[in-house]
Amino acid sequence: MTIRTVLWGQPRKDGTAAVKVYVNLNGVVRYFMVDGIYIESKFWDKNKQVVKSKHPNARLYNAKIRARKIALEEHFLNGGTFENFLKSSKSKLLTEALEEYITLNKGEYSAGTAKAYRNTISRVRQFEKHYSIKSYIKDIDEKWVADFVTYMKKMGFVKATTAYHLGRVKKAIMHQRVDNPHVEKIKHKQGRARPKPFLTPNEIAQIEKTPDSELSKAQYIVRDFFLLAYYLLLRDSDVTAISKSNFIEKNSKVFYVGTNKKTKTQVIVPVSAKAKTILQRYDYDCSRYTNSYRNKCIRRVAEIAGISTLVEDGDELVPKWKLVSMHTARRSAATNLDMQGMSQHGIKMLGGWKNLASLAVYFRSGNMDIAEKAQKFDHFK
């Protein structure tokens, strides 16, 4: 039997990598996580198999490493196997596994993602309270999933929300490295996604020209924030985070320079005169109101503006304004730029999408739009 500690060779996005214990038992190799330890390669002493003393948490991390190695050595020297060592982790509560998963990925996940995982913990606890049960990893099977789905439906949550929670449950369980034969069954079909419309340039103009007298103060402000998101191709969360430091001037032209919160990519976007006017109106502070309240306001603004083209919503047709949200601004900007002939690579760079596949889901133009755009090509002349 051979046991040693290694720094995992596949670093995370932040440059840190996991510390694992390598075990070779009669030619069978397995790696075991040392929970909570992620470090840069410069802090790892490969020869001594320890965290270098210059790391601020060296003593704590090395104590954890020693404890993990001792536990593994005792287990296998006492005749234990890989299978029954892994099974010993199955008694952990699901909520504990989720908490651990959040902690181990806190350097990788955004505040929004961490919050989403905490929402899942809350839902699991509510589910457990409703049925007077405790959910251990060993108990998570198809029946548990079916009960959870039934509970979520009873509480009025849509399929997509249930699917997202189950996806997080699955990730947390897989992180525990337990041999759970039911792990692939932890899923829920989301069903048909709700349509996500875009606004044409004419419809954007309708919102721009809606008389101020017809809007409440909050609706007026939210309309400005929506238009700013459209002009700069930003998510609402990025609009909220805007400050004066995000703007530079070059050759008498103002540019927005920021880091996309979701993808962590830098974006540089020309600032139009309309966008500049809005920014100055609020002294570059666009943080007012929550996202849910903004969505409610902009939906009402779209109704007042007469955005009433009928679009599909499930099995019925509804006025487009009913499906408008703050994110419609970003989707509309991407689609309209594409229809005006800008390269998709250029749109990707401006909006901070990670790749063209991610951008493609934003394009909402219809067949006629594409056909009209195609007329300029020689192939159709």
Protein backbone atom coordinates (compact mmCIF):
# COMPACT_ATOMS: atom_id res chain seq x y z
CA MET A 1 0.00 0.00 0.00
CA THR A 2 1.23 3.47 -0.94
CA ILE A 3 -0.20 6.69 0.49
CA ARG A 4 1.03 10.16 -0.35
CA THR A 5 -0.35 13.68 -0.63
CA VAL A 6 -0.44 15.53 -3.94
CA LEU A 7 -1.54 18.88 -5.34
CA TRP A 8 -4.15 18.19 -8.01
CA GLY A 9 -2.86 18.93 -11.49
CA GLN A 10 -6.00 20.68 -12.73
CA PRO A 11 -6.24 24.14 -11.16
CA ARG A 12 -9.51 26.04 -10.82
CA LYS A 13 -10.29 29.35 -12.51
CA ASP A 14 -8.67 31.32 -9.68
CA GLY A 15 -5.38 29.42 -10.09
CA THR A 16 -5.72 27.32 -6.94
CA ALA A 17 -5.86 23.52 -6.91
CA ALA A 18 -7.16 20.88 -4.50
CA VAL A 19 -4.95 18.88 -2.17
CA LYS A 20 -5.68 15.15 -2.37
CA VAL A 21 -4.40 11.96 -0.77
CA TYR A 22 -3.21 9.36 -3.29
CA VAL A 23 -3.81 5.75 -2.28
CA ASN A 24 -2.49 2.73 -4.22
CA LEU A 25 -3.86 -0.50 -2.75
CA ASN A 26 -2.79 -3.64 -4.59
CA GLY A 27 -2.55 -1.73 -7.87
CA VAL A 28 -5.93 0.02 -7.50
CA VAL A 29 -5.54 3.81 -7.27
CA ARG A 30 -7.94 6.31 -5.71
CA TYR A 31 -7.66 9.98 -4.74
CA PHE A 32 -9.34 11.41 -1.64
CA MET A 33 -10.04 15.12 -1.14
CA VAL A 34 -8.64 16.98 1.84
CA ASP A 35 -11.71 19.12 2.38
CA GLY A 36 -11.37 22.87 2.36
CA ILE A 37 -7.84 23.12 1.03
CA TYR A 38 -7.21 24.90 -2.28
CA ILE A 39 -3.84 26.55 -2.81
CA GLU A 40 -1.61 27.90 -5.58
CA SER A 41 1.24 25.67 -6.74
CA LYS A 42 3.84 28.09 -5.32
CA PHE A 43 2.65 27.17 -1.81
CA TRP A 44 3.03 23.40 -2.29
CA ASP A 45 6.17 21.49 -1.27
CA LYS A 46 6.10 18.47 -3.55
CA ASN A 47 8.97 16.66 -1.83
CA LYS A 48 7.69 17.08 1.72
CA GLN A 49 4.04 16.76 0.60
CA VAL A 50 2.98 19.71 2.75
CA VAL A 51 1.84 23.31 2.43
CA LYS A 52 4.81 25.65 2.63
CA SER A 53 5.15 27.71 5.80
CA LYS A 54 4.82 30.99 3.90
CA HIS A 55 1.11 30.25 3.30
CA PRO A 56 -0.97 32.05 5.98
CA ASN A 57 -2.94 28.87 6.78
CA ALA A 58 -0.01 26.45 6.51
CA ARG A 59 -0.29 25.02 10.05
CA LEU A 60 -4.05 24.48 9.83
CA TYR A 61 -3.88 22.95 6.35
CA ASN A 62 -1.02 20.63 7.23
CA ALA A 63 -2.91 19.46 10.32
CA LYS A 64 -5.89 18.62 8.12
CA ILE A 65 -3.64 16.78 5.69
CA ARG A 66 -2.07 14.71 8.48
CA ALA A 67 -5.49 13.86 9.92
CA ARG A 68 -6.80 12.75 6.51
CA LYS A 69 -3.74 10.56 5.85
CA ILE A 70 -3.93 8.99 9.32
CA ALA A 71 -7.63 8.20 8.88
CA LEU A 72 -6.92 6.53 5.53
CA GLU A 73 -3.90 4.59 6.83
CA GLU A 74 -5.83 3.28 9.85
CA HIS A 75 -8.76 2.27 7.65
CA PHE A 76 -6.70 0.25 5.18
CA LEU A 77 -4.29 -1.22 7.76
CA ASN A 78 -7.35 -2.54 9.60
CA GLY A 79 -8.42 -4.39 6.48
CA GLY A 80 -10.77 -1.75 5.13
CA THR A 81 -11.58 -1.37 1.43
CA PHE A 82 -12.18 1.57 -0.88
CA GLU A 83 -15.86 0.75 -0.96
CA ASN A 84 -16.51 0.73 2.78
CA PHE A 85 -14.37 3.83 3.34
CA LEU A 86 -16.52 5.73 0.87
CA LYS A 87 -19.68 4.38 2.46
CA SER A 88 -18.66 5.87 5.79
CA SER A 89 -19.35 9.31 4.27
CA LYS A 90 -22.93 8.43 3.42
CA SER A 91 -24.28 9.27 6.87
CA LYS A 92 -23.72 12.97 6.25
CA LEU A 93 -26.81 15.16 6.03
CA LEU A 94 -27.61 16.58 2.60
CA THR A 95 -27.72 20.11 4.02
CA GLU A 96 -24.22 19.60 5.46
CA ALA A 97 -22.98 18.46 2.07
CA LEU A 98 -24.48 21.56 0.45
CA GLU A 99 -22.91 23.85 3.06
CA GLU A 100 -19.54 22.19 2.49
CA TYR A 101 -19.89 22.56 -1.26
CA ILE A 102 -20.53 26.31 -0.89
CA THR A 103 -17.49 26.72 1.37
CA LEU A 104 -15.17 24.80 -0.92
CA ASN A 105 -16.22 26.85 -3.94
CA LYS A 106 -16.48 30.27 -2.34
CA GLY A 107 -13.45 31.51 -4.26
CA GLU A 108 -14.93 30.31 -7.54
CA TYR A 109 -18.58 31.20 -7.22
CA SER A 110 -20.13 34.65 -7.39
CA ALA A 111 -22.24 35.98 -4.52
CA GLY A 112 -25.32 35.23 -6.61
CA THR A 113 -24.38 31.58 -7.11
CA ALA A 114 -23.61 31.12 -3.41
CA LYS A 115 -26.98 32.66 -2.59
CA ALA A 116 -28.68 30.23 -5.00
CA TYR A 117 -27.09 27.27 -3.15
CA ARG A 118 -28.26 28.70 0.17
CA ASN A 119 -31.76 28.93 -1.28
CA THR A 120 -31.51 25.22 -2.08
CA ILE A 121 -30.52 24.51 1.54
CA SER A 122 -33.57 26.46 2.71
CA ARG A 123 -35.87 24.54 0.36
CA VAL A 124 -34.46 21.19 1.53
CA ARG A 125 -34.97 22.16 5.17
CA GLN A 126 -38.55 23.27 4.47
CA PHE A 127 -39.16 19.99 2.65
CA GLU A 128 -37.75 18.03 5.62
CA LYS A 129 -39.90 19.97 8.08
CA HIS A 130 -43.01 19.38 5.97
CA TYR A 131 -42.47 15.61 5.96
CA SER A 132 -40.81 15.42 9.42
CA ILE A 133 -37.70 13.75 8.02
CA LYS A 134 -33.94 14.17 7.81
CA SER A 135 -32.26 13.79 4.41
CA TYR A 136 -29.02 11.84 4.57
CA ILE A 137 -26.92 11.33 1.47
CA LYS A 138 -27.57 7.60 1.63
CA ASP A 139 -31.31 8.31 1.41
CA ILE A 140 -31.24 10.43 -1.73
CA ASP A 141 -32.84 8.16 -4.34
CA GLU A 142 -35.65 8.27 -6.88
CA LYS A 143 -38.32 8.23 -4.14
CA TRP A 144 -36.70 11.19 -2.36
CA VAL A 145 -36.58 13.08 -5.67
CA ALA A 146 -40.24 12.27 -6.39
CA ASP A 147 -41.28 13.49 -2.91
CA PHE A 148 -39.24 16.67 -3.31
CA VAL A 149 -40.77 17.36 -6.73
CA THR A 150 -44.27 16.83 -5.31
CA TYR A 151 -43.53 19.21 -2.44
CA MET A 152 -42.15 21.92 -4.72
CA LYS A 153 -45.20 21.64 -6.99
CA LYS A 154 -47.51 21.87 -3.99
CA MET A 155 -45.72 25.04 -2.85
CA GLY A 156 -46.27 26.62 -6.28
CA PHE A 157 -42.74 26.48 -7.69
CA VAL A 158 -42.29 25.98 -11.44
CA LYS A 159 -40.49 22.98 -12.92
CA ALA A 160 -37.38 24.99 -13.78
CA THR A 161 -36.89 26.08 -10.16
CA THR A 162 -37.20 22.48 -8.94
CA ALA A 163 -34.72 21.33 -11.59
CA TYR A 164 -32.17 23.95 -10.52
CA HIS A 165 -32.41 22.86 -6.86
CA LEU A 166 -31.99 19.20 -7.77
CA GLY A 167 -28.99 20.06 -9.93
CA ARG A 168 -27.30 21.65 -6.91
CA VAL A 169 -28.17 18.65 -4.76
CA LYS A 170 -26.56 16.38 -7.33
CA LYS A 171 -23.35 18.43 -7.45
CA ALA A 172 -23.03 18.44 -3.66
CA ILE A 173 -23.48 14.67 -3.47
CA MET A 174 -21.02 14.00 -6.29
CA HIS A 175 -18.48 16.18 -4.48
CA GLN A 176 -18.68 13.82 -1.50
CA ARG A 177 -17.22 11.07 -3.73
CA VAL A 178 -19.72 8.53 -2.40
CA ASP A 179 -20.86 5.53 -4.38
CA ASN A 180 -24.52 6.52 -4.67
CA PRO A 181 -26.14 4.39 -7.40
CA HIS A 182 -29.06 6.82 -7.61
CA VAL A 183 -27.06 9.98 -8.28
CA GLU A 184 -27.87 10.03 -12.01
CA LYS A 185 -31.60 9.95 -11.18
CA ILE A 186 -31.39 13.23 -9.27
CA LYS A 187 -32.98 15.39 -11.94
CA HIS A 188 -36.30 16.82 -13.03
CA LYS A 189 -37.39 17.67 -16.52
CA GLN A 190 -37.88 21.41 -16.78
CA GLY A 191 -40.47 21.28 -19.50
CA ARG A 192 -40.85 23.90 -22.17
CA ALA A 193 -38.97 27.08 -21.39
CA ARG A 194 -40.96 30.28 -21.18
CA PRO A 195 -40.47 32.42 -24.28
CA LYS A 196 -37.99 35.27 -23.96
CA PRO A 197 -38.91 38.04 -26.38
CA PHE A 198 -36.80 40.91 -27.61
CA LEU A 199 -37.86 44.46 -28.41
CA THR A 200 -37.34 45.82 -31.91
CA PRO A 201 -35.73 49.25 -32.43
CA ASN A 202 -39.24 50.67 -32.98
CA GLU A 203 -40.45 49.21 -29.71
CA ILE A 204 -37.40 50.57 -27.89
CA ALA A 205 -38.28 53.96 -29.38
CA GLN A 206 -41.83 53.59 -28.04
CA ILE A 207 -40.44 53.15 -24.54
CA GLU A 208 -38.06 56.09 -25.00
CA LYS A 209 -40.90 58.36 -26.13
CA THR A 210 -43.47 57.40 -23.51
CA PRO A 211 -44.57 60.72 -21.93
CA ASP A 212 -43.04 61.27 -18.51
CA SER A 213 -46.45 62.41 -17.25
CA GLU A 214 -47.81 58.88 -17.76
CA LEU A 215 -45.16 57.30 -15.53
CA SER A 216 -44.72 57.27 -11.78
CA LYS A 217 -41.40 58.41 -10.36
CA ALA A 218 -40.21 54.81 -9.91
CA GLN A 219 -41.33 53.84 -13.43
CA TYR A 220 -39.49 56.83 -14.88
CA ILE A 221 -36.26 55.86 -13.09
CA VAL A 222 -36.53 52.18 -13.97
CA ARG A 223 -37.19 53.06 -17.61
CA ASP A 224 -33.90 54.99 -17.59
CA PHE A 225 -32.04 52.03 -16.10
CA PHE A 226 -33.63 49.69 -18.66
CA LEU A 227 -32.57 51.94 -21.54
CA LEU A 228 -29.07 52.22 -20.09
CA ALA A 229 -28.85 48.42 -20.03
CA TYR A 230 -29.96 48.42 -23.67
CA TYR A 231 -27.48 51.10 -24.77
CA LEU A 232 -24.55 49.37 -23.01
CA LEU A 233 -25.60 45.69 -23.49
CA LEU A 234 -25.48 45.15 -19.72
CA ARG A 235 -27.22 42.81 -17.32
CA ASP A 236 -29.28 44.53 -14.67
CA SER A 237 -26.78 43.48 -11.98
CA ASP A 238 -23.99 45.21 -13.92
CA VAL A 239 -26.09 48.36 -14.31
CA THR A 240 -26.62 48.37 -10.55
CA ALA A 241 -22.85 48.24 -9.97
CA ILE A 242 -21.98 51.18 -12.26
CA SER A 243 -19.80 53.96 -10.85
CA LYS A 244 -17.85 56.88 -12.31
CA SER A 245 -14.69 54.77 -12.24
CA ASN A 246 -16.18 52.61 -15.03
CA PHE A 247 -15.87 55.38 -17.62
CA ILE A 248 -12.85 56.62 -19.53
CA GLU A 249 -12.38 59.11 -22.35
CA LYS A 250 -10.29 58.47 -25.44
CA ASN A 251 -10.11 60.70 -28.53
CA SER A 252 -13.03 62.75 -27.16
CA LYS A 253 -15.22 59.63 -26.95
CA VAL A 254 -16.48 58.13 -23.68
CA PHE A 255 -16.29 54.36 -23.08
CA TYR A 256 -17.72 52.11 -20.39
CA VAL A 257 -15.05 49.73 -19.03
CA GLY A 258 -16.24 47.06 -16.64
CA THR A 259 -16.03 43.43 -15.61
CA ASN A 260 -19.07 41.32 -16.33
CA LYS A 261 -20.24 39.99 -12.94
CA LYS A 262 -21.43 36.64 -14.26
CA THR A 263 -18.65 35.70 -16.69
CA LYS A 264 -15.82 37.74 -15.10
CA THR A 265 -14.90 39.05 -18.55
CA GLN A 266 -13.89 42.62 -19.23
CA VAL A 267 -16.07 44.66 -21.57
CA ILE A 268 -15.48 48.01 -23.25
CA VAL A 269 -18.55 49.68 -24.77
CA PRO A 270 -18.91 53.07 -26.50
CA VAL A 271 -21.21 55.38 -24.52
CA SER A 272 -23.88 57.03 -26.67
CA ALA A 273 -25.18 60.54 -26.00
CA LYS A 274 -28.44 59.02 -24.70
CA ALA A 275 -26.59 56.78 -22.27
CA LYS A 276 -24.41 59.66 -21.08
CA THR A 277 -27.48 61.78 -20.36
CA ILE A 278 -28.99 59.05 -18.17
CA LEU A 279 -25.72 58.51 -16.31
CA GLN A 280 -25.36 62.20 -15.54
CA ARG A 281 -28.99 62.39 -14.43
CA TYR A 282 -28.27 59.92 -11.62
CA ASP A 283 -24.67 60.98 -10.99
CA TYR A 284 -23.55 57.52 -12.17
CA ASP A 285 -25.49 55.79 -9.36
CA CYS A 286 -27.96 53.26 -10.80
CA SER A 287 -28.40 51.10 -7.72
CA ARG A 288 -31.93 52.12 -6.78
CA TYR A 289 -34.58 49.37 -6.30
CA THR A 290 -34.30 45.58 -6.33
CA ASN A 291 -34.26 43.51 -9.51
CA SER A 292 -37.74 42.11 -8.83
CA TYR A 293 -39.16 45.60 -8.34
CA ARG A 294 -37.45 46.85 -11.49
CA ASN A 295 -38.96 43.95 -13.44
CA LYS A 296 -42.40 44.86 -12.16
CA CYS A 297 -41.91 48.52 -13.10
CA ILE A 298 -40.51 47.95 -16.58
CA ARG A 299 -43.36 45.56 -17.38
CA ARG A 300 -45.82 48.31 -16.54
CA VAL A 301 -43.79 50.83 -18.57
CA ALA A 302 -43.90 48.49 -21.58
CA GLU A 303 -47.68 48.21 -21.19
CA ILE A 304 -48.07 51.99 -21.05
CA ALA A 305 -45.79 52.32 -24.08
CA GLY A 306 -48.10 50.05 -26.07
CA ILE A 307 -45.77 47.08 -26.57
CA SER A 308 -48.75 44.90 -27.42
CA THR A 309 -47.64 42.59 -30.25
CA LEU A 310 -49.01 39.12 -29.51
CA VAL A 311 -46.39 36.49 -28.64
CA GLU A 312 -46.59 32.87 -27.48
CA ASP A 313 -46.69 32.12 -23.77
CA GLY A 314 -47.20 28.40 -23.40
CA ASP A 315 -50.41 27.51 -25.20
CA GLU A 316 -51.76 31.03 -25.45
CA LEU A 317 -50.97 34.36 -27.08
CA VAL A 318 -50.33 37.34 -24.82
CA PRO A 319 -49.26 40.97 -25.37
CA LYS A 320 -45.48 41.19 -25.46
CA TRP A 321 -45.34 43.63 -22.53
CA LYS A 322 -46.36 40.81 -20.18
CA LEU A 323 -43.06 39.02 -20.86
CA VAL A 324 -40.75 42.04 -20.63
CA SER A 325 -38.12 42.13 -17.86
CA MET A 326 -34.94 44.11 -17.23
CA HIS A 327 -32.95 41.39 -19.00
CA THR A 328 -35.00 42.01 -22.15
CA ALA A 329 -32.82 45.09 -22.68
CA ARG A 330 -29.60 43.08 -23.08
CA ARG A 331 -31.30 40.45 -25.24
CA SER A 332 -32.82 43.14 -27.46
CA ALA A 333 -29.50 44.95 -27.90
CA ALA A 334 -27.74 41.75 -28.97
CA THR A 335 -30.51 40.77 -31.39
CA ASN A 336 -30.84 44.22 -32.93
CA LEU A 337 -27.08 44.59 -33.43
CA ASP A 338 -27.03 41.19 -35.10
CA MET A 339 -29.87 42.21 -37.40
CA GLN A 340 -28.04 45.44 -38.27
CA GLY A 341 -25.07 43.40 -39.47
CA MET A 342 -22.55 43.57 -36.63
CA SER A 343 -20.40 40.45 -36.40
CA GLN A 344 -21.35 38.03 -33.67
CA HIS A 345 -17.76 38.08 -32.46
CA GLY A 346 -18.04 41.85 -32.03
CA ILE A 347 -21.32 41.52 -30.11
CA LYS A 348 -19.74 38.83 -27.91
CA MET A 349 -16.84 41.13 -27.03
CA LEU A 350 -19.10 44.11 -26.30
CA GLY A 351 -21.49 42.17 -24.10
CA GLY A 352 -18.97 39.94 -22.36
CA TRP A 353 -20.38 36.57 -23.43
CA LYS A 354 -17.92 33.74 -22.90
CA ASN A 355 -18.44 32.20 -26.32
CA LEU A 356 -20.63 32.38 -29.41
CA ALA A 357 -22.75 29.46 -28.21
CA SER A 358 -23.72 31.43 -25.10
CA LEU A 359 -24.49 34.46 -27.24
CA ALA A 360 -26.57 32.48 -29.74
CA VAL A 361 -29.35 31.83 -27.21
CA TYR A 362 -29.86 35.59 -26.94
CA PHE A 363 -30.76 36.05 -30.58
CA ARG A 364 -34.54 36.12 -30.89
CA SER A 365 -35.09 37.24 -34.47
CA GLY A 366 -37.72 35.41 -36.51
CA ASN A 367 -37.61 33.81 -39.94
CA MET A 368 -38.83 36.93 -41.73
CA ASP A 369 -36.22 39.08 -39.96
CA ILE A 370 -33.49 36.71 -41.13
CA ALA A 371 -34.88 36.62 -44.68
CA GLU A 372 -34.95 40.41 -44.92
CA LYS A 373 -31.42 40.63 -43.58
CA ALA A 374 -30.27 38.05 -46.16
CA GLN A 375 -31.46 40.17 -49.09
CA LYS A 376 -28.21 42.16 -49.13
CA PHE A 377 -26.13 39.08 -50.00
CA ASP A 378 -25.35 38.34 -53.67
CA HIS A 379 -26.67 34.82 -53.24
CA PHE A 380 -30.22 36.23 -53.06
CA LYS A 381 -29.93 38.92 -55.77
